Amino acid sequence: MVSIFAQRVLPLAVLAVATVSVPFMMLSPTGLPRLRNLEEERRRADEEISRLGSQIGALRAQVSRIKSDPAAVERAARDELGLVRTTEVVFQFSE
């Protein structure tokens, strides 16, 4: 035989605790606000991963061009390193 406590009081006590604790846990700083912040942080990280993936693809294409095209090597040396041929004259103008 089940006692009156187990039949009536215990379910009501569990319901009362759940009614109070569930909203409290959801609205606490470690509940829904924290979840929203983590979702936003993940979205920003995914965007940065996508941007960096595109940048890596562009750099790999540039490496491939430099390995196979002498004109690309010269262009990179001029643009990125500021190199000139020995037969060229460089003019520098002051502003």
Protein backbone atom coordinates (compact mmCIF):
# COMPACT_ATOMS: atom_id res chain seq x y z
CA MET A 1 0.00 0.00 0.00
CA VAL A 2 1.29 3.44 -0.95
CA SER A 3 1.18 6.14 1.66
CA ILE A 4 -0.78 9.37 1.29
CA PHE A 5 2.53 11.24 1.26
CA ALA A 6 3.73 9.39 -1.83
CA GLN A 7 0.37 9.77 -3.57
CA ARG A 8 -0.46 13.43 -2.96
CA VAL A 9 2.22 15.43 -1.22
CA LEU A 10 5.29 14.30 -3.16
CA PRO A 11 3.91 15.11 -6.65
CA LEU A 12 2.71 18.52 -5.45
CA ALA A 13 6.10 19.24 -3.89
CA VAL A 14 7.90 18.30 -7.11
CA LEU A 15 5.52 20.49 -9.12
CA ALA A 16 6.04 23.44 -6.77
CA VAL A 17 9.83 23.14 -6.92
CA ALA A 18 9.76 22.87 -10.72
CA THR A 19 7.40 25.85 -11.03
CA VAL A 20 9.80 28.04 -9.06
CA SER A 21 13.18 26.71 -10.17
CA VAL A 22 12.73 26.37 -13.95
CA PRO A 23 11.98 30.07 -14.65
CA PHE A 24 14.67 31.08 -12.18
CA MET A 25 17.27 28.93 -13.96
CA MET A 26 16.21 30.16 -17.39
CA LEU A 27 16.43 33.84 -16.45
CA SER A 28 19.58 33.61 -14.36
CA PRO A 29 22.84 34.94 -15.88
CA THR A 30 23.91 31.38 -16.62
CA GLY A 31 20.63 30.55 -18.37
CA LEU A 32 19.12 32.01 -21.54
CA PRO A 33 21.23 35.22 -21.61
CA ARG A 34 24.40 33.11 -21.52
CA LEU A 35 23.02 30.89 -24.28
CA ARG A 36 22.30 33.93 -26.46
CA ASN A 37 25.82 35.28 -25.89
CA LEU A 38 27.35 31.94 -26.80
CA GLU A 39 25.25 31.71 -29.98
CA GLU A 40 26.39 35.21 -31.03
CA GLU A 41 30.01 34.34 -30.28
CA ARG A 42 29.72 31.19 -32.39
CA ARG A 43 28.17 33.14 -35.27
CA ARG A 44 31.07 35.63 -35.21
CA ALA A 45 33.60 32.78 -35.07
CA ASP A 46 31.94 31.07 -38.05
CA GLU A 47 32.09 34.32 -40.04
CA GLU A 48 35.78 34.74 -39.23
CA ILE A 49 36.49 31.13 -40.20
CA SER A 50 34.77 31.73 -43.53
CA ARG A 51 36.71 34.95 -44.12
CA LEU A 52 40.01 33.28 -43.25
CA GLY A 53 39.19 30.33 -45.51
CA SER A 54 38.70 32.72 -48.42
CA GLN A 55 41.96 34.47 -47.58
CA ILE A 56 43.81 31.13 -47.46
CA GLY A 57 42.40 30.21 -50.88
CA ALA A 58 43.60 33.51 -52.35
CA LEU A 59 47.07 33.06 -50.85
CA ARG A 60 47.33 29.51 -52.17
CA ALA A 61 46.40 30.73 -55.65
CA GLN A 62 49.06 33.44 -55.39
CA VAL A 63 51.68 30.87 -54.33
CA SER A 64 50.72 28.68 -57.27
CA ARG A 65 51.07 31.60 -59.70
CA ILE A 66 54.45 32.59 -58.26
CA LYS A 67 55.72 29.01 -58.56
CA SER A 68 54.72 28.71 -62.21
CA ASP A 69 54.84 32.22 -63.71
CA PRO A 70 58.09 34.25 -63.85
CA ALA A 71 56.10 37.44 -64.48
CA ALA A 72 54.21 36.84 -61.24
CA VAL A 73 57.51 36.49 -59.38
CA GLU A 74 58.70 39.81 -60.79
CA ARG A 75 55.39 41.48 -59.99
CA ALA A 76 55.51 40.22 -56.39
CA ALA A 77 59.13 41.35 -56.01
CA ARG A 78 58.27 44.83 -57.27
CA ASP A 79 54.99 45.28 -55.39
CA GLU A 80 55.76 43.64 -52.07
CA LEU A 81 59.52 44.06 -51.73
CA GLY A 82 60.06 47.28 -53.71
CA LEU A 83 62.80 45.73 -55.86
CA VAL A 84 63.89 47.14 -59.23
CA ARG A 85 66.13 45.90 -62.01
CA THR A 86 69.73 47.08 -62.11
CA THR A 87 69.10 48.83 -65.42
CA GLU A 88 66.14 50.83 -64.11
CA VAL A 89 66.30 54.31 -62.63
CA VAL A 90 64.11 55.10 -59.63
CA PHE A 91 62.77 58.62 -59.18
CA GLN A 92 61.62 59.65 -55.72
CA PHE A 93 59.49 62.75 -55.38
CA SER A 94 58.96 64.58 -52.13
CA GLU A 95 55.51 65.88 -51.40
